[in-house]
C-alpha atoms as a PDB file:
ATOM      1  CA  UNK A   1      83.495  24.046 -29.981  1.00  0.00           C
ATOM      2  CA  UNK A   2      79.961  22.979 -30.135  1.00  0.00           C
ATOM      3  CA  UNK A   3      77.778  25.367 -32.666  1.00  0.00           C
ATOM      4  CA  UNK A   4      74.897  27.141 -31.340  1.00  0.00           C
ATOM      5  CA  UNK A   5      71.833  26.812 -33.833  1.00  0.00           C
ATOM      6  CA  UNK A   6      69.635  29.105 -32.003  1.00  0.00           C
ATOM      7  CA  UNK A   7      69.565  32.177 -34.581  1.00  0.00           C
ATOM      8  CA  UNK A   8      67.715  29.667 -37.062  1.00  0.00           C
ATOM      9  CA  UNK A   9      66.693  27.662 -34.835  1.00  0.00           C
ATOM     10  CA  UNK A  10      62.778  28.610 -35.554  1.00  0.00           C
ATOM     11  CA  UNK A  11      63.339  27.811 -39.593  1.00  0.00           C
ATOM     12  CA  UNK A  12      66.047  25.394 -39.160  1.00  0.00           C
ATOM     13  CA  UNK A  13      63.131  22.407 -40.411  1.00  0.00           C
ATOM     14  CA  UNK A  14      61.818  24.038 -43.273  1.00  0.00           C
ATOM     15  CA  UNK A  15      65.536  25.196 -44.017  1.00  0.00           C
ATOM     16  CA  UNK A  16      66.500  21.472 -44.361  1.00  0.00           C
ATOM     17  CA  UNK A  17      63.470  20.428 -46.601  1.00  0.00           C
ATOM     18  CA  UNK A  18      63.272  23.354 -48.963  1.00  0.00           C
ATOM     19  CA  UNK A  19      67.050  22.636 -50.378  1.00  0.00           C
ATOM     20  CA  UNK A  20      67.030  18.385 -49.475  1.00  0.00           C
ATOM     21  CA  UNK A  21      62.962  17.636 -49.455  1.00  0.00           C
ATOM     22  CA  UNK A  22      62.459  14.724 -47.024  1.00  0.00           C
ATOM     23  CA  UNK A  23      65.849  13.434 -47.540  1.00  0.00           C
ATOM     24  CA  UNK A  24      67.522  14.979 -44.283  1.00  0.00           C
ATOM     25  CA  UNK A  25      64.567  12.702 -41.816  1.00  0.00           C
ATOM     26  CA  UNK A  26      64.955   9.746 -44.389  1.00  0.00           C
ATOM     27  CA  UNK A  27      68.819   9.447 -43.673  1.00  0.00           C
ATOM     28  CA  UNK A  28      68.679   9.542 -39.808  1.00  0.00           C
ATOM     29  CA  UNK A  29      64.826   6.785 -39.622  1.00  0.00           C
ATOM     30  CA  UNK A  30      66.431   4.420 -41.785  1.00  0.00           C
ATOM     31  CA  UNK A  31      69.072   3.643 -39.209  1.00  0.00           C
ATOM     32  CA  UNK A  32      66.296   3.767 -36.797  1.00  0.00           C
ATOM     33  CA  UNK A  33      65.786  -0.633 -36.810  1.00  0.00           C
ATOM     34  CA  UNK A  34      68.924  -0.704 -35.226  1.00  0.00           C
ATOM     35  CA  UNK A  35      67.683   0.508 -31.967  1.00  0.00           C
ATOM     36  CA  UNK A  36      67.113  -2.258 -29.493  1.00  0.00           C
ATOM     37  CA  UNK A  37      64.120  -2.559 -26.834  1.00  0.00           C
ATOM     38  CA  UNK A  38      64.837  -0.621 -23.432  1.00  0.00           C
ATOM     39  CA  UNK A  39      68.170   0.841 -24.704  1.00  0.00           C
ATOM     40  CA  UNK A  40      70.266   3.550 -23.404  1.00  0.00           C
ATOM     41  CA  UNK A  41      70.512   6.015 -25.892  1.00  0.00           C
ATOM     42  CA  UNK A  42      73.024   9.380 -26.334  1.00  0.00           C
ATOM     43  CA  UNK A  43      71.565  11.552 -28.842  1.00  0.00           C
ATOM     44  CA  UNK A  44      73.936  14.774 -29.681  1.00  0.00           C
ATOM     45  CA  UNK A  45      72.916  17.556 -31.367  1.00  0.00           C
ATOM     46  CA  UNK A  46      69.370  16.313 -31.993  1.00  0.00           C
ATOM     47  CA  UNK A  47      68.283  20.000 -32.955  1.00  0.00           C
ATOM     48  CA  UNK A  48      64.363  20.252 -32.630  1.00  0.00           C
ATOM     49  CA  UNK A  49      63.558  16.309 -32.032  1.00  0.00           C
ATOM     50  CA  UNK A  50      61.719  15.487 -34.936  1.00  0.00           C
ATOM     51  CA  UNK A  51      63.889  11.965 -34.675  1.00  0.00           C
ATOM     52  CA  UNK A  52      62.389  11.658 -31.085  1.00  0.00           C
ATOM     53  CA  UNK A  53      59.006  11.155 -32.674  1.00  0.00           C
ATOM     54  CA  UNK A  54      60.362   8.851 -35.201  1.00  0.00           C
ATOM     55  CA  UNK A  55      61.819   6.971 -32.838  1.00  0.00           C
ATOM     56  CA  UNK A  56      58.434   6.818 -30.792  1.00  0.00           C
ATOM     57  CA  UNK A  57      56.757   4.888 -33.652  1.00  0.00           C
ATOM     58  CA  UNK A  58      59.130   2.169 -33.212  1.00  0.00           C
ATOM     59  CA  UNK A  59      59.755   2.349 -29.165  1.00  0.00           C
ATOM     60  CA  UNK A  60      56.776   3.774 -27.492  1.00  0.00           C
ATOM     61  CA  UNK A  61      58.249   3.014 -24.482  1.00  0.00           C
ATOM     62  CA  UNK A  62      61.297   1.406 -22.553  1.00  0.00           C
ATOM     63  CA  UNK A  63      63.908   3.537 -24.011  1.00  0.00           C
ATOM     64  CA  UNK A  64      66.163   6.064 -21.854  1.00  0.00           C
ATOM     65  CA  UNK A  65      67.648   9.222 -23.891  1.00  0.00           C
ATOM     66  CA  UNK A  66      69.857  11.564 -23.090  1.00  0.00           C
ATOM     67  CA  UNK A  67      69.387  14.014 -25.210  1.00  0.00           C
ATOM     68  CA  UNK A  68      71.948  17.022 -25.573  1.00  0.00           C
ATOM     69  CA  UNK A  69      71.896  19.956 -27.756  1.00  0.00           C
ATOM     70  CA  UNK A  70      74.078  23.316 -27.257  1.00  0.00           C
ATOM     71  CA  UNK A  71      70.646  25.289 -28.697  1.00  0.00           C
ATOM     72  CA  UNK A  72      68.477  26.229 -26.200  1.00  0.00           C
ATOM     73  CA  UNK A  73      66.028  26.772 -28.543  1.00  0.00           C
ATOM     74  CA  UNK A  74      66.358  23.455 -30.176  1.00  0.00           C
ATOM     75  CA  UNK A  75      65.789  22.276 -26.974  1.00  0.00           C
ATOM     76  CA  UNK A  76      62.962  23.793 -26.620  1.00  0.00           C
ATOM     77  CA  UNK A  77      61.193  22.703 -29.271  1.00  0.00           C
ATOM     78  CA  UNK A  78      62.469  19.001 -28.461  1.00  0.00           C
ATOM     79  CA  UNK A  79      60.257  19.351 -25.346  1.00  0.00           C
ATOM     80  CA  UNK A  80      57.215  19.235 -26.988  1.00  0.00           C
ATOM     81  CA  UNK A  81      57.574  16.495 -29.135  1.00  0.00           C
ATOM     82  CA  UNK A  82      55.712  12.965 -28.957  1.00  0.00           C
ATOM     83  CA  UNK A  83      57.830  10.602 -26.666  1.00  0.00           C
ATOM     84  CA  UNK A  84      55.662   8.051 -26.237  1.00  0.00           C
ATOM     85  CA  UNK A  85      56.223   6.644 -22.236  1.00  0.00           C
ATOM     86  CA  UNK A  86      60.109   6.809 -22.549  1.00  0.00           C
ATOM     87  CA  UNK A  87      62.169   8.122 -20.330  1.00  0.00           C
ATOM     88  CA  UNK A  88      64.329  11.673 -21.960  1.00  0.00           C
ATOM     89  CA  UNK A  89      66.548  13.714 -20.087  1.00  0.00           C
ATOM     90  CA  UNK A  90      66.880  16.598 -22.529  1.00  0.00           C
ATOM     91  CA  UNK A  91      70.206  18.528 -21.503  1.00  0.00           C
ATOM     92  CA  UNK A  92      71.239  22.549 -22.774  1.00  0.00           C
ATOM     93  CA  UNK A  93      75.087  22.015 -23.280  1.00  0.00           C
ATOM     94  CA  UNK A  94      77.880  21.341 -25.727  1.00  0.00           C
ATOM     95  CA  UNK A  95      79.208  17.538 -25.508  1.00  0.00           C
ATOM     96  CA  UNK A  96      82.034  18.834 -24.328  1.00  0.00           C
ATOM     97  CA  UNK A  97      80.361  20.004 -20.921  1.00  0.00           C
ATOM     98  CA  UNK A  98      79.107  16.493 -20.931  1.00  0.00           C
ATOM     99  CA  UNK A  99      79.974  14.672 -17.426  1.00  0.00           C
ATOM    100  CA  UNK A 100      78.464  10.974 -16.240  1.00  0.00           C
ATOM    101  CA  UNK A 101      79.012   7.619 -15.080  1.00  0.00           C
ATOM    102  CA  UNK A 102      76.425   6.298 -17.693  1.00  0.00           C
ATOM    103  CA  UNK A 103      77.791   4.635 -20.567  1.00  0.00           C
ATOM    104  CA  UNK A 104      75.030   3.619 -23.624  1.00  0.00           C
ATOM    105  CA  UNK A 105      74.280   1.076 -26.208  1.00  0.00           C
ATOM    106  CA  UNK A 106      73.563   3.376 -28.789  1.00  0.00           C
ATOM    107  CA  UNK A 107      74.788   6.901 -29.547  1.00  0.00           C
ATOM    108  CA  UNK A 108      73.391   9.132 -32.714  1.00  0.00           C
ATOM    109  CA  UNK A 109      74.447  11.682 -34.112  1.00  0.00           C
ATOM    110  CA  UNK A 110      72.494  12.898 -37.050  1.00  0.00           C
ATOM    111  CA  UNK A 111      74.268  15.675 -38.993  1.00  0.00           C
ATOM    112  CA  UNK A 112      76.445  16.925 -35.875  1.00  0.00           C
ATOM    113  CA  UNK A 113      80.099  15.570 -36.212  1.00  0.00           C
ATOM    114  CA  UNK A 114      80.215  17.275 -39.444  1.00  0.00           C
ATOM    115  CA  UNK A 115      80.078  20.917 -37.698  1.00  0.00           C
ATOM    116  CA  UNK A 116      84.064  20.899 -37.131  1.00  0.00           C
ATOM    117  CA  UNK A 117      87.405  20.648 -38.164  1.00  0.00           C
ATOM    118  CA  UNK A 118      89.550  18.124 -37.823  1.00  0.00           C
ATOM    119  CA  UNK A 119      90.978  18.794 -34.709  1.00  0.00           C
ATOM    120  CA  UNK A 120      87.912  19.768 -33.149  1.00  0.00           C
ATOM    121  CA  UNK A 121      86.671  16.280 -34.886  1.00  0.00           C
ATOM    122  CA  UNK A 122      88.708  13.953 -32.984  1.00  0.00           C
ATOM    123  CA  UNK A 123      88.114  15.538 -29.545  1.00  0.00           C
ATOM    124  CA  UNK A 124      84.581  15.049 -30.065  1.00  0.00           C
ATOM    125  CA  UNK A 125      84.623  11.940 -31.371  1.00  0.00           C
ATOM    126  CA  UNK A 126      86.974  10.344 -28.689  1.00  0.00           C
ATOM    127  CA  UNK A 127      84.739  11.921 -25.402  1.00  0.00           C
ATOM    128  CA  UNK A 128      81.170   9.801 -27.764  1.00  0.00           C
ATOM    129  CA  UNK A 129      83.590   6.860 -28.182  1.00  0.00           C
ATOM    130  CA  UNK A 130      84.280   6.870 -24.235  1.00  0.00           C
ATOM    131  CA  UNK A 131      80.717   6.608 -23.490  1.00  0.00           C
ATOM    132  CA  UNK A 132      79.817   3.506 -25.890  1.00  0.00           C
ATOM    133  CA  UNK A 133      79.789   0.497 -24.579  1.00  0.00           C
ATOM    134  CA  UNK A 134      81.505  -2.064 -25.682  1.00  0.00           C
ATOM    135  CA  UNK A 135      79.992  -3.737 -28.839  1.00  0.00           C
ATOM    136  CA  UNK A 136      77.214  -0.646 -28.665  1.00  0.00           C
ATOM    137  CA  UNK A 137      75.994   0.928 -31.743  1.00  0.00           C
ATOM    138  CA  UNK A 138      77.205   4.324 -33.442  1.00  0.00           C
ATOM    139  CA  UNK A 139      74.364   5.676 -36.038  1.00  0.00           C
ATOM    140  CA  UNK A 140      75.723   8.285 -37.631  1.00  0.00           C
ATOM    141  CA  UNK A 141      74.282  10.432 -40.498  1.00  0.00           C
ATOM    142  CA  UNK A 142      76.576  13.181 -42.065  1.00  0.00           C
ATOM    143  CA  UNK A 143      77.793  15.132 -45.437  1.00  0.00           C
ATOM    144  CA  UNK A 144      80.240  13.424 -47.216  1.00  0.00           C
ATOM    145  CA  UNK A 145      83.146  14.665 -48.647  1.00  0.00           C
ATOM    146  CA  UNK A 146      81.517  15.705 -52.123  1.00  0.00           C
ATOM    147  CA  UNK A 147      82.952  13.852 -55.192  1.00  0.00           C
ATOM    148  CA  UNK A 148      80.609  16.437 -57.784  1.00  0.00           C
ATOM    149  CA  UNK A 149      81.447  19.897 -58.572  1.00  0.00           C
ATOM    150  CA  UNK A 150      77.605  21.149 -57.668  1.00  0.00           C
ATOM    151  CA  UNK A 151      77.940  18.914 -54.252  1.00  0.00           C
ATOM    152  CA  UNK A 152      81.169  21.031 -53.345  1.00  0.00           C
ATOM    153  CA  UNK A 153      79.698  24.731 -54.350  1.00  0.00           C
ATOM    154  CA  UNK A 154      76.673  23.884 -51.964  1.00  0.00           C
ATOM    155  CA  UNK A 155      78.958  22.549 -49.346  1.00  0.00           C
ATOM    156  CA  UNK A 156      80.859  25.944 -49.838  1.00  0.00           C
ATOM    157  CA  UNK A 157      77.605  28.161 -49.406  1.00  0.00           C
ATOM    158  CA  UNK A 158      76.121  25.882 -45.993  1.00  0.00           C
ATOM    159  CA  UNK A 159      79.330  26.068 -44.231  1.00  0.00           C
ATOM    160  CA  UNK A 160      79.804  29.748 -44.567  1.00  0.00           C
ATOM    161  CA  UNK A 161      76.009  30.659 -43.998  1.00  0.00           C
ATOM    162  CA  UNK A 162      76.390  28.275 -41.208  1.00  0.00           C
ATOM    163  CA  UNK A 163      79.678  29.571 -39.725  1.00  0.00           C
ATOM    164  CA  UNK A 164      77.765  32.753 -39.999  1.00  0.00           C
ATOM    165  CA  UNK A 165      74.754  32.490 -38.181  1.00  0.00           C
ATOM    166  CA  UNK A 166      75.611  29.391 -35.712  1.00  0.00           C
ATOM    167  CA  UNK A 167      79.176  29.903 -35.237  1.00  0.00           C
ATOM    168  CA  UNK A 168      80.135  26.440 -36.868  1.00  0.00           C
ATOM    169  CA  UNK A 169      84.066  26.540 -37.130  1.00  0.00           C
ATOM    170  CA  UNK A 170      85.200  24.357 -40.494  1.00  0.00           C
ATOM    171  CA  UNK A 171      85.849  25.448 -43.479  1.00  0.00           C
ATOM    172  CA  UNK A 172      85.892  21.914 -45.163  1.00  0.00           C
ATOM    173  CA  UNK A 173      84.563  18.519 -43.868  1.00  0.00           C
ATOM    174  CA  UNK A 174      86.657  16.187 -41.602  1.00  0.00           C
ATOM    175  CA  UNK A 175      87.210  12.628 -43.139  1.00  0.00           C
ATOM    176  CA  UNK A 176      84.623  10.757 -40.674  1.00  0.00           C
ATOM    177  CA  UNK A 177      84.693   7.741 -42.431  1.00  0.00           C
ATOM    178  CA  UNK A 178      88.303   7.116 -42.330  1.00  0.00           C
ATOM    179  CA  UNK A 179      88.488   7.557 -38.457  1.00  0.00           C
ATOM    180  CA  UNK A 180      85.824   5.472 -37.974  1.00  0.00           C
ATOM    181  CA  UNK A 181      87.267   2.955 -40.291  1.00  0.00           C
ATOM    182  CA  UNK A 182      90.635   3.221 -38.675  1.00  0.00           C
ATOM    183  CA  UNK A 183      89.798   3.202 -34.492  1.00  0.00           C
ATOM    184  CA  UNK A 184      87.615   0.345 -33.143  1.00  0.00           C
ATOM    185  CA  UNK A 185      84.351   0.179 -35.431  1.00  0.00           C
ATOM    186  CA  UNK A 186      83.182  -2.379 -38.088  1.00  0.00           C
ATOM    187  CA  UNK A 187      80.932  -1.334 -40.313  1.00  0.00           C
ATOM    188  CA  UNK A 188      76.946  -2.573 -40.028  1.00  0.00           C
ATOM    189  CA  UNK A 189      75.038  -0.698 -42.538  1.00  0.00           C
ATOM    190  CA  UNK A 190      75.255   1.792 -44.393  1.00  0.00           C
ATOM    191  CA  UNK A 191      72.984   3.922 -47.155  1.00  0.00           C
ATOM    192  CA  UNK A 192      73.944   6.844 -49.452  1.00  0.00           C
ATOM    193  CA  UNK A 193      71.495   9.548 -50.559  1.00  0.00           C
ATOM    194  CA  UNK A 194      71.797  12.534 -53.185  1.00  0.00           C
ATOM    195  CA  UNK A 195      74.689  10.728 -55.284  1.00  0.00           C
ATOM    196  CA  UNK A 196      76.555   9.952 -51.834  1.00  0.00           C
ATOM    197  CA  UNK A 197      76.297  13.285 -50.443  1.00  0.00           C
ATOM    198  CA  UNK A 198      74.920  12.074 -47.657  1.00  0.00           C
ATOM    199  CA  UNK A 199      75.678   9.037 -45.548  1.00  0.00           C
ATOM    200  CA  UNK A 200      73.840   7.132 -42.937  1.00  0.00           C
ATOM    201  CA  UNK A 201      75.964   4.477 -41.187  1.00  0.00           C
ATOM    202  CA  UNK A 202      75.969   2.052 -38.675  1.00  0.00           C
ATOM    203  CA  UNK A 203      79.334   1.375 -36.923  1.00  0.00           C
ATOM    204  CA  UNK A 204      79.587  -1.114 -34.048  1.00  0.00           C
ATOM    205  CA  UNK A 205      82.385  -0.538 -31.031  1.00  0.00           C
ATOM    206  CA  UNK A 206      84.658  -3.909 -30.742  1.00  0.00           C
END
């Protein structure tokens, strides 16, 4: 079940910056160069929409974006962003409830897939996989399973906080990379941040 970030929507961006500085946004923006003109894009769990403004700096018009978030307050904030002349449909719902005949050129999941336990992750992944065109790109940014003690502790604190405030169900991260590597996808590009605690990856559906 997708979490709901309504309880912390007003302070989420400030909290992220307090803990990680500008890395959260940098880790997402570094993938945007892979967005081709006139793409059909599905963004899931985009939060307050800061990424939309960064995408608009690259493509002021021509994009058709479906923007999904389960938090109504995050959607309200995202609607106020500068989107240029791009065509954006904002949907306040969980991805599990989204039904469409559209196939997308690009799917973007910024810090979204790490919200789920292994079982739910597989279900969500399959839903998104079916919406992506063959040879489409999946731009994913997430926390990695930590290898350093300090990151292991930080992750436990983060997951506990988000479980209490937002209903995040998982107590440990799913092995996201392993799943992509095993099924249907080629690794196109990868960037790592914070001593490999965060990864930004572009996958191509084959």
